[in-house]
Amino acid sequence: MFGLLWVVEHPPAPAEPLFGPVLAVVAAVEAIVSFLLPRHLARQALASTPAAIVDEPDPDASIGFRDRAATRRAFADPAALQARVDELSQMSLVLTCALRESIAIFGLILGVLGFDLPWVAPFFVAAWLLLALAFPTGRELDGLVLTTYGVPLRR
């Protein structure tokens, strides 16, 4: 669609040359926000989620002082917490993708307004690169749980 728009209906000159730099600054700020805001919101939502933590015998530890078994902290219901973490990761992913896709939309707007390809293409390339980094990993989600509760979710 972008190529068709570019070939068929490209204005001879930009309507307002200031739009390019302004949208570039807005896109840069939005790229930074796309890294910080979803993680912050997910951390807040997870912190408001109650999770019971219990002490359980640690099967990997050796017998301790006076034959008492060593214990470790664990979640009482790890399946429920895992379901909540999965929900929050989906919310975070949707918000991250929306913020990063809007950078490409800024490039589309510049193209419609008559800006040349050297102004338009970086917005699309930046959006594609940022979208490639958007998908959360299990390590990131485990780190979120560990920093929130001080107890790892998976062993």
Protein backbone atom coordinates (compact mmCIF):
# COMPACT_ATOMS: atom_id res chain seq x y z
CA MET A 1 0.00 0.00 0.00
CA PHE A 2 2.81 2.39 0.86
CA GLY A 3 4.43 1.96 -2.56
CA LEU A 4 1.12 2.55 -4.33
CA LEU A 5 0.53 5.69 -2.30
CA TRP A 6 4.04 6.91 -3.07
CA VAL A 7 3.77 6.36 -6.83
CA VAL A 8 0.18 7.44 -7.44
CA GLU A 9 -0.33 10.45 -5.24
CA HIS A 10 2.89 12.11 -4.09
CA PRO A 11 2.65 15.90 -3.62
CA PRO A 12 5.49 17.90 -5.16
CA ALA A 13 6.65 19.51 -1.88
CA PRO A 14 5.90 19.14 1.83
CA ALA A 15 3.02 21.27 3.05
CA GLU A 16 4.90 22.33 6.18
CA PRO A 17 8.63 21.46 6.33
CA LEU A 18 8.65 21.68 10.13
CA PHE A 19 6.48 18.53 10.43
CA GLY A 20 9.44 16.26 9.64
CA PRO A 21 11.70 17.28 12.53
CA VAL A 22 8.77 17.59 14.93
CA LEU A 23 7.51 14.07 14.17
CA ALA A 24 11.08 12.75 14.39
CA VAL A 25 11.38 14.12 17.94
CA VAL A 26 7.95 12.76 18.87
CA ALA A 27 8.89 9.36 17.43
CA ALA A 28 12.16 9.31 19.41
CA VAL A 29 10.32 10.11 22.64
CA GLU A 30 7.71 7.51 21.83
CA ALA A 31 10.42 4.90 21.21
CA ILE A 32 11.85 5.57 24.68
CA VAL A 33 8.40 5.48 26.24
CA SER A 34 7.68 2.16 24.51
CA PHE A 35 10.50 0.61 26.54
CA LEU A 36 9.63 2.18 29.89
CA LEU A 37 5.85 2.53 30.15
CA PRO A 38 4.70 -1.08 29.52
CA ARG A 39 7.27 -2.46 31.95
CA HIS A 40 6.29 0.09 34.60
CA LEU A 41 2.57 -0.65 34.21
CA ALA A 42 3.16 -4.41 34.35
CA ARG A 43 5.28 -4.03 37.49
CA GLN A 44 2.56 -1.92 39.16
CA ALA A 45 -0.17 -4.40 38.20
CA LEU A 46 1.88 -7.35 39.44
CA ALA A 47 2.65 -5.58 42.73
CA SER A 48 -1.08 -5.13 43.31
CA THR A 49 -1.65 -8.86 42.78
CA PRO A 50 -1.68 -10.74 46.10
CA ALA A 51 0.54 -13.80 46.12
CA ALA A 52 0.94 -16.06 49.15
CA ILE A 53 4.55 -17.03 49.82
CA VAL A 54 5.34 -20.09 51.94
CA ASP A 55 8.49 -21.76 53.21
CA GLU A 56 8.99 -25.23 51.80
CA PRO A 57 11.79 -27.77 52.27
CA ASP A 58 14.64 -27.22 49.84
CA PRO A 59 15.39 -30.56 48.14
CA ASP A 60 18.74 -29.28 46.84
CA ALA A 61 20.15 -28.23 50.22
CA SER A 62 22.11 -30.49 52.52
CA ILE A 63 20.99 -31.21 56.07
CA GLY A 64 21.66 -28.10 58.12
CA PHE A 65 22.27 -27.33 61.76
CA ARG A 66 20.88 -29.94 64.20
CA ASP A 67 19.35 -32.01 61.42
CA ARG A 68 16.88 -29.30 60.39
CA ALA A 69 16.10 -29.31 56.73
CA ALA A 70 16.84 -26.10 54.89
CA THR A 71 13.86 -24.27 53.49
CA ARG A 72 13.29 -21.96 50.59
CA ARG A 73 10.58 -19.44 49.85
CA ALA A 74 8.07 -20.37 47.17
CA PHE A 75 4.65 -19.31 45.96
CA ALA A 76 1.69 -21.17 47.44
CA ASP A 77 -0.13 -21.13 44.09
CA PRO A 78 2.44 -20.74 41.30
CA ALA A 79 -0.07 -21.65 38.58
CA ALA A 80 -2.35 -18.71 39.45
CA LEU A 81 0.59 -16.33 39.55
CA GLN A 82 1.87 -17.68 36.24
CA ALA A 83 -1.55 -17.03 34.68
CA ARG A 84 -1.46 -13.45 35.99
CA VAL A 85 2.08 -12.94 34.65
CA ASP A 86 0.93 -14.23 31.25
CA GLU A 87 -1.97 -11.76 31.24
CA LEU A 88 0.35 -8.90 32.12
CA SER A 89 2.87 -9.90 29.47
CA GLN A 90 0.11 -9.81 26.84
CA MET A 91 -1.00 -6.36 28.02
CA SER A 92 2.58 -5.17 27.94
CA LEU A 93 3.15 -6.62 24.47
CA VAL A 94 0.04 -4.99 23.00
CA LEU A 95 0.95 -1.59 24.44
CA THR A 96 4.56 -1.90 23.28
CA CYS A 97 3.56 -2.87 19.74
CA ALA A 98 0.99 -0.07 19.52
CA LEU A 99 3.51 2.55 20.58
CA ARG A 100 6.13 1.25 18.17
CA GLU A 101 3.75 0.86 15.23
CA SER A 102 2.71 4.48 15.61
CA ILE A 103 6.26 5.46 14.64
CA ALA A 104 5.67 3.90 11.23
CA ILE A 105 2.36 5.77 11.04
CA PHE A 106 4.30 9.01 11.55
CA GLY A 107 6.36 8.06 8.50
CA LEU A 108 3.18 7.39 6.54
CA ILE A 109 1.85 10.81 7.53
CA LEU A 110 5.05 12.45 6.33
CA GLY A 111 4.79 10.61 3.01
CA VAL A 112 1.20 11.76 2.54
CA LEU A 113 2.24 15.32 3.34
CA GLY A 114 4.81 15.27 0.54
CA PHE A 115 8.08 14.47 2.29
CA ASP A 116 10.66 12.55 0.28
CA LEU A 117 11.73 8.95 0.91
CA PRO A 118 14.86 9.92 2.91
CA TRP A 119 12.51 11.48 5.48
CA VAL A 120 9.88 8.74 5.39
CA ALA A 121 11.92 5.51 5.29
CA PRO A 122 13.73 5.93 8.66
CA PHE A 123 10.40 5.94 10.48
CA PHE A 124 9.46 2.58 8.95
CA VAL A 125 12.89 1.06 9.53
CA ALA A 126 12.94 2.25 13.15
CA ALA A 127 9.44 0.85 13.75
CA TRP A 128 10.39 -2.54 12.28
CA LEU A 129 13.57 -2.76 14.34
CA LEU A 130 11.76 -1.75 17.51
CA LEU A 131 8.97 -4.26 16.84
CA ALA A 132 11.58 -7.00 16.46
CA LEU A 133 12.69 -6.23 20.03
CA ALA A 134 9.16 -6.07 21.44
CA PHE A 135 8.50 -9.68 22.34
CA PRO A 136 9.09 -10.59 26.00
CA THR A 137 11.20 -13.56 27.00
CA GLY A 138 10.73 -15.93 29.89
CA ARG A 139 13.82 -14.49 31.56
CA GLU A 140 12.31 -10.98 31.54
CA LEU A 141 9.05 -12.23 33.01
CA ASP A 142 10.88 -14.21 35.71
CA GLY A 143 12.92 -11.11 36.51
CA LEU A 144 9.72 -9.10 36.89
CA VAL A 145 8.36 -11.60 39.42
CA LEU A 146 11.68 -11.79 41.26
CA THR A 147 12.03 -8.02 41.61
CA THR A 148 8.40 -7.65 42.70
CA TYR A 149 8.17 -10.45 45.27
CA GLY A 150 11.78 -11.42 45.97
CA VAL A 151 10.97 -15.03 45.11
CA PRO A 152 11.57 -16.71 41.73
CA LEU A 153 8.51 -18.15 40.04
CA ARG A 154 10.24 -21.06 38.32
CA ARG A 155 12.83 -23.38 39.73
